[in-house]
């Protein structure tokens, strides 16, 4: 079964998942030639190892709390906070609480 990706003009519900957060998996929202949006689920205690993506990215914490590890520092994001990273910047993610984030990536040509 193909994964549904939102079309241009389609409304996507990104409200906090609340009690459904524990059973929800990371999902692609949409992907175009130069843009990708993902609802990233990071359970408490889970980690995403250090990595980099070629394109600039943003993270909006929709609910929960995460620690973002950068080369020279760590940043904590909580619900309602937004962060921008330039392409190629190495980063890691650790769930401090069950968390849901909106990840957007500007893909390189």
N, C-alpha and C. Protein backbone atom coordinates (compact mmCIF):
# COMPACT_ATOMS: atom_id res chain seq x y z
N UNK A 1 0.84 -1.18 0.00
CA UNK A 1 0.00 0.00 0.00
C UNK A 1 0.88 1.25 0.00
N UNK A 2 0.62 2.16 -0.89
CA UNK A 2 1.40 3.39 -1.00
C UNK A 2 1.13 4.33 0.17
N UNK A 3 2.17 5.04 0.60
CA UNK A 3 2.03 6.01 1.67
C UNK A 3 1.39 7.27 1.09
N UNK A 4 0.37 7.79 1.78
CA UNK A 4 -0.28 9.01 1.33
C UNK A 4 0.61 10.21 1.65
N UNK A 5 0.86 11.04 0.67
CA UNK A 5 1.57 12.30 0.87
C UNK A 5 0.58 13.42 0.60
N UNK A 6 0.58 14.44 1.44
CA UNK A 6 -0.32 15.57 1.26
C UNK A 6 -0.03 16.26 -0.07
N UNK A 7 -1.07 16.68 -0.72
CA UNK A 7 -0.96 17.44 -1.98
C UNK A 7 -0.94 18.92 -1.66
N UNK A 8 -0.49 19.73 -2.59
CA UNK A 8 -0.52 21.18 -2.42
C UNK A 8 -1.96 21.61 -2.11
N UNK A 9 -2.12 22.42 -1.08
CA UNK A 9 -3.43 22.90 -0.69
C UNK A 9 -4.19 22.00 0.27
N UNK A 10 -3.67 20.83 0.56
CA UNK A 10 -4.33 19.89 1.47
C UNK A 10 -3.99 20.24 2.92
N UNK A 11 -5.00 20.31 3.77
CA UNK A 11 -4.81 20.61 5.18
C UNK A 11 -4.35 19.35 5.91
N UNK A 12 -3.32 19.50 6.76
CA UNK A 12 -2.79 18.38 7.54
C UNK A 12 -2.91 18.74 9.02
N UNK A 13 -3.46 17.84 9.80
CA UNK A 13 -3.66 18.06 11.24
C UNK A 13 -2.36 17.75 11.99
N UNK A 14 -1.75 18.76 12.59
CA UNK A 14 -0.51 18.58 13.35
C UNK A 14 -0.71 18.88 14.83
N UNK A 15 -1.95 18.85 15.27
CA UNK A 15 -2.19 19.08 16.69
C UNK A 15 -1.51 17.99 17.51
N UNK A 16 -1.19 18.30 18.77
CA UNK A 16 -0.57 17.29 19.63
C UNK A 16 -1.38 15.99 19.64
N UNK A 17 -0.66 14.88 19.69
CA UNK A 17 -1.29 13.56 19.66
C UNK A 17 -1.79 13.13 21.03
N UNK A 18 -1.24 13.73 22.10
CA UNK A 18 -1.67 13.39 23.45
C UNK A 18 -1.50 11.91 23.73
N UNK A 19 -2.57 11.24 24.13
CA UNK A 19 -2.55 9.83 24.48
C UNK A 19 -2.20 8.90 23.33
N UNK A 20 -2.32 9.36 22.10
CA UNK A 20 -1.99 8.53 20.93
C UNK A 20 -0.50 8.58 20.58
N UNK A 21 0.26 9.44 21.26
CA UNK A 21 1.67 9.63 20.92
C UNK A 21 2.46 8.34 21.03
N UNK A 22 2.26 7.56 22.09
CA UNK A 22 3.04 6.32 22.30
C UNK A 22 2.85 5.30 21.19
N UNK A 23 1.70 5.30 20.54
CA UNK A 23 1.43 4.29 19.51
C UNK A 23 1.65 4.80 18.08
N UNK A 24 2.06 6.05 17.95
CA UNK A 24 2.25 6.67 16.64
C UNK A 24 3.70 6.52 16.18
N UNK A 25 3.88 6.30 14.91
CA UNK A 25 5.21 6.17 14.30
C UNK A 25 5.51 7.41 13.46
N UNK A 26 6.77 7.64 13.19
CA UNK A 26 7.19 8.73 12.31
C UNK A 26 6.52 8.54 10.95
N UNK A 27 6.01 9.64 10.38
CA UNK A 27 5.34 9.56 9.08
C UNK A 27 5.75 10.70 8.17
N UNK A 28 5.91 10.39 6.90
CA UNK A 28 6.15 11.42 5.89
C UNK A 28 4.85 12.16 5.65
N UNK A 29 4.90 13.47 5.65
CA UNK A 29 3.71 14.27 5.37
C UNK A 29 3.63 14.57 3.88
N UNK A 30 4.72 15.08 3.33
CA UNK A 30 4.77 15.35 1.90
C UNK A 30 6.21 15.39 1.43
N UNK A 31 6.40 15.13 0.16
CA UNK A 31 7.73 15.23 -0.43
C UNK A 31 7.58 15.72 -1.86
N UNK A 32 8.33 16.76 -2.16
CA UNK A 32 8.36 17.31 -3.51
C UNK A 32 9.82 17.31 -3.96
N UNK A 33 10.09 17.83 -5.13
CA UNK A 33 11.45 17.82 -5.65
C UNK A 33 12.45 18.50 -4.72
N UNK A 34 12.03 19.57 -4.03
CA UNK A 34 12.98 20.36 -3.26
C UNK A 34 12.56 20.54 -1.81
N UNK A 35 11.55 19.79 -1.35
CA UNK A 35 11.02 20.01 -0.01
C UNK A 35 10.45 18.70 0.53
N UNK A 36 10.70 18.46 1.81
CA UNK A 36 10.13 17.29 2.47
C UNK A 36 9.66 17.70 3.87
N UNK A 37 8.51 17.19 4.27
CA UNK A 37 7.98 17.43 5.61
C UNK A 37 7.64 16.09 6.25
N UNK A 38 8.06 15.93 7.52
CA UNK A 38 7.92 14.67 8.23
C UNK A 38 7.42 14.95 9.64
N UNK A 39 6.48 14.15 10.13
CA UNK A 39 6.13 14.21 11.55
C UNK A 39 7.03 13.18 12.22
N UNK A 40 8.00 13.68 12.97
CA UNK A 40 9.03 12.86 13.60
C UNK A 40 8.61 12.54 15.02
N UNK A 41 8.52 11.26 15.34
CA UNK A 41 8.17 10.79 16.68
C UNK A 41 9.46 10.32 17.36
N UNK A 42 9.74 10.88 18.53
CA UNK A 42 10.93 10.51 19.30
C UNK A 42 10.48 10.14 20.71
N UNK A 43 10.37 8.84 21.01
CA UNK A 43 9.97 8.43 22.35
C UNK A 43 10.99 8.82 23.41
N UNK A 44 10.54 8.96 24.64
CA UNK A 44 11.45 9.25 25.75
C UNK A 44 12.53 8.18 25.81
N UNK A 45 13.79 8.61 25.91
CA UNK A 45 14.91 7.69 25.99
C UNK A 45 15.46 7.25 24.65
N UNK A 46 14.70 7.45 23.57
CA UNK A 46 15.18 7.05 22.24
C UNK A 46 16.17 8.08 21.71
N UNK A 47 17.09 7.61 20.87
CA UNK A 47 18.10 8.50 20.30
C UNK A 47 18.20 8.28 18.80
N UNK A 48 18.51 9.36 18.10
CA UNK A 48 18.87 9.30 16.69
C UNK A 48 20.33 9.70 16.64
N UNK A 49 21.18 8.78 16.18
CA UNK A 49 22.62 8.99 16.17
C UNK A 49 23.02 10.22 15.36
N UNK A 50 24.20 10.76 15.64
CA UNK A 50 24.68 11.92 14.89
C UNK A 50 24.67 11.65 13.38
N UNK A 51 24.16 12.62 12.65
CA UNK A 51 24.08 12.53 11.19
C UNK A 51 23.95 13.95 10.64
N UNK A 52 24.02 14.08 9.34
CA UNK A 52 23.83 15.36 8.67
C UNK A 52 23.00 15.12 7.42
N UNK A 53 22.24 16.13 7.03
CA UNK A 53 21.51 16.08 5.76
C UNK A 53 22.03 17.24 4.91
N UNK A 54 21.97 17.07 3.61
CA UNK A 54 22.54 18.08 2.71
C UNK A 54 21.78 19.40 2.76
N UNK A 55 20.46 19.33 2.88
CA UNK A 55 19.65 20.55 2.83
C UNK A 55 19.42 21.19 4.18
N UNK A 56 19.09 22.49 4.15
CA UNK A 56 18.71 23.18 5.38
C UNK A 56 17.47 22.50 5.95
N UNK A 57 17.34 22.56 7.28
CA UNK A 57 16.18 21.93 7.91
C UNK A 57 15.66 22.77 9.06
N UNK A 58 14.40 22.52 9.40
CA UNK A 58 13.80 23.13 10.58
C UNK A 58 13.16 22.03 11.42
N UNK A 59 13.12 22.27 12.72
CA UNK A 59 12.43 21.38 13.66
C UNK A 59 11.49 22.24 14.50
N UNK A 60 10.22 21.89 14.51
CA UNK A 60 9.23 22.52 15.37
C UNK A 60 8.76 21.45 16.35
N UNK A 61 8.99 21.66 17.64
CA UNK A 61 8.55 20.71 18.64
C UNK A 61 7.04 20.92 18.86
N UNK A 62 6.25 19.93 18.48
CA UNK A 62 4.80 20.01 18.62
C UNK A 62 4.35 19.63 20.02
N UNK A 63 5.05 18.67 20.61
CA UNK A 63 4.75 18.24 21.98
C UNK A 63 5.95 17.46 22.51
N UNK A 64 6.11 17.50 23.83
CA UNK A 64 7.20 16.78 24.46
C UNK A 64 8.43 17.65 24.64
N UNK A 65 9.59 16.98 24.71
CA UNK A 65 10.86 17.67 24.96
C UNK A 65 11.97 16.79 24.43
N UNK A 66 12.88 17.40 23.66
CA UNK A 66 14.03 16.68 23.09
C UNK A 66 15.32 17.44 23.39
N UNK A 67 16.43 16.73 23.25
CA UNK A 67 17.75 17.35 23.30
C UNK A 67 18.37 17.15 21.93
N UNK A 68 18.79 18.24 21.33
CA UNK A 68 19.44 18.22 20.04
C UNK A 68 20.93 18.43 20.26
N UNK A 69 21.73 17.44 19.87
CA UNK A 69 23.17 17.54 20.02
C UNK A 69 23.80 18.10 18.77
N UNK A 70 24.50 19.22 18.92
CA UNK A 70 25.23 19.82 17.81
C UNK A 70 26.72 19.66 18.06
N UNK A 71 27.54 20.05 17.12
CA UNK A 71 28.98 19.85 17.25
C UNK A 71 29.54 20.54 18.50
N UNK A 72 29.14 21.77 18.76
CA UNK A 72 29.74 22.55 19.84
C UNK A 72 28.81 22.76 21.04
N UNK A 73 27.56 22.29 20.97
CA UNK A 73 26.64 22.52 22.07
C UNK A 73 25.43 21.61 21.97
N UNK A 74 24.62 21.63 23.03
CA UNK A 74 23.35 20.92 23.04
C UNK A 74 22.24 21.94 23.22
N UNK A 75 21.10 21.67 22.59
CA UNK A 75 19.94 22.54 22.67
C UNK A 75 18.76 21.69 23.09
N UNK A 76 17.97 22.20 24.02
CA UNK A 76 16.75 21.52 24.42
C UNK A 76 15.58 22.24 23.75
N UNK A 77 14.71 21.48 23.11
CA UNK A 77 13.50 22.02 22.51
C UNK A 77 12.29 21.49 23.25
N UNK A 78 11.34 22.37 23.54
CA UNK A 78 10.07 21.98 24.17
C UNK A 78 8.93 22.40 23.26
N UNK A 79 7.75 21.93 23.55
CA UNK A 79 6.57 22.20 22.73
C UNK A 79 6.46 23.69 22.42
N UNK A 80 6.28 23.99 21.15
CA UNK A 80 6.13 25.36 20.69
C UNK A 80 7.41 26.02 20.25
N UNK A 81 8.56 25.38 20.47
CA UNK A 81 9.84 25.96 20.07
C UNK A 81 10.28 25.43 18.70
N UNK A 82 10.96 26.30 17.95
CA UNK A 82 11.36 26.05 16.57
C UNK A 82 12.84 26.29 16.42
N UNK A 83 13.49 25.52 15.55
CA UNK A 83 14.92 25.64 15.33
C UNK A 83 15.24 25.46 13.86
N UNK A 84 16.21 26.23 13.37
CA UNK A 84 16.69 26.13 11.99
C UNK A 84 18.14 25.68 12.02
N UNK A 85 18.50 24.73 11.14
CA UNK A 85 19.89 24.29 10.98
C UNK A 85 20.27 24.38 9.51
N UNK A 86 21.50 24.79 9.25
CA UNK A 86 21.98 24.83 7.88
C UNK A 86 22.32 23.42 7.40
N UNK A 87 22.24 23.22 6.12
CA UNK A 87 22.56 21.92 5.54
C UNK A 87 23.98 21.49 5.87
N UNK A 88 24.14 20.21 6.12
CA UNK A 88 25.46 19.65 6.40
C UNK A 88 25.86 19.70 7.85
N UNK A 89 25.06 20.35 8.72
CA UNK A 89 25.40 20.43 10.14
C UNK A 89 25.08 19.11 10.84
N UNK A 90 26.10 18.51 11.45
CA UNK A 90 25.91 17.25 12.15
C UNK A 90 25.09 17.49 13.41
N UNK A 91 24.11 16.60 13.63
CA UNK A 91 23.25 16.73 14.80
C UNK A 91 22.72 15.35 15.21
N UNK A 92 22.35 15.24 16.48
CA UNK A 92 21.72 14.04 17.01
C UNK A 92 20.47 14.48 17.76
N UNK A 93 19.59 13.53 18.03
CA UNK A 93 18.33 13.82 18.73
C UNK A 93 18.14 12.79 19.84
N UNK A 94 17.72 13.26 21.01
CA UNK A 94 17.39 12.35 22.11
C UNK A 94 16.06 12.79 22.70
N UNK A 95 15.16 11.83 22.87
CA UNK A 95 13.87 12.12 23.48
C UNK A 95 14.00 12.21 24.99
N UNK A 96 13.71 13.38 25.55
CA UNK A 96 13.69 13.55 27.00
C UNK A 96 12.31 13.21 27.54
N UNK A 97 11.30 13.40 26.71
CA UNK A 97 9.92 12.99 26.95
C UNK A 97 9.41 12.42 25.63
N UNK A 98 8.31 11.70 25.63
CA UNK A 98 7.70 11.30 24.37
C UNK A 98 7.41 12.58 23.59
N UNK A 99 7.91 12.64 22.35
CA UNK A 99 7.88 13.89 21.60
C UNK A 99 7.42 13.69 20.17
N UNK A 100 6.79 14.74 19.65
CA UNK A 100 6.37 14.81 18.26
C UNK A 100 6.89 16.12 17.70
N UNK A 101 7.54 16.04 16.52
CA UNK A 101 8.14 17.22 15.91
C UNK A 101 7.76 17.32 14.44
N UNK A 102 7.71 18.53 13.95
CA UNK A 102 7.57 18.74 12.52
C UNK A 102 8.96 19.02 11.98
N UNK A 103 9.46 18.12 11.14
CA UNK A 103 10.76 18.25 10.50
C UNK A 103 10.53 18.65 9.05
N UNK A 104 11.15 19.75 8.64
CA UNK A 104 11.10 20.14 7.23
C UNK A 104 12.53 20.20 6.70
N UNK A 105 12.71 19.74 5.48
CA UNK A 105 14.02 19.71 4.85
C UNK A 105 13.92 20.34 3.47
N UNK A 106 14.79 21.30 3.21
CA UNK A 106 14.91 21.86 1.87
C UNK A 106 15.96 21.03 1.14
N UNK A 107 15.53 20.24 0.19
CA UNK A 107 16.41 19.31 -0.49
C UNK A 107 17.25 20.03 -1.53
N UNK A 108 18.50 19.61 -1.63
CA UNK A 108 19.42 20.19 -2.62
C UNK A 108 19.10 19.65 -3.99
N UNK A 109 19.35 20.45 -5.01
CA UNK A 109 19.14 20.01 -6.40
C UNK A 109 20.27 19.14 -6.85
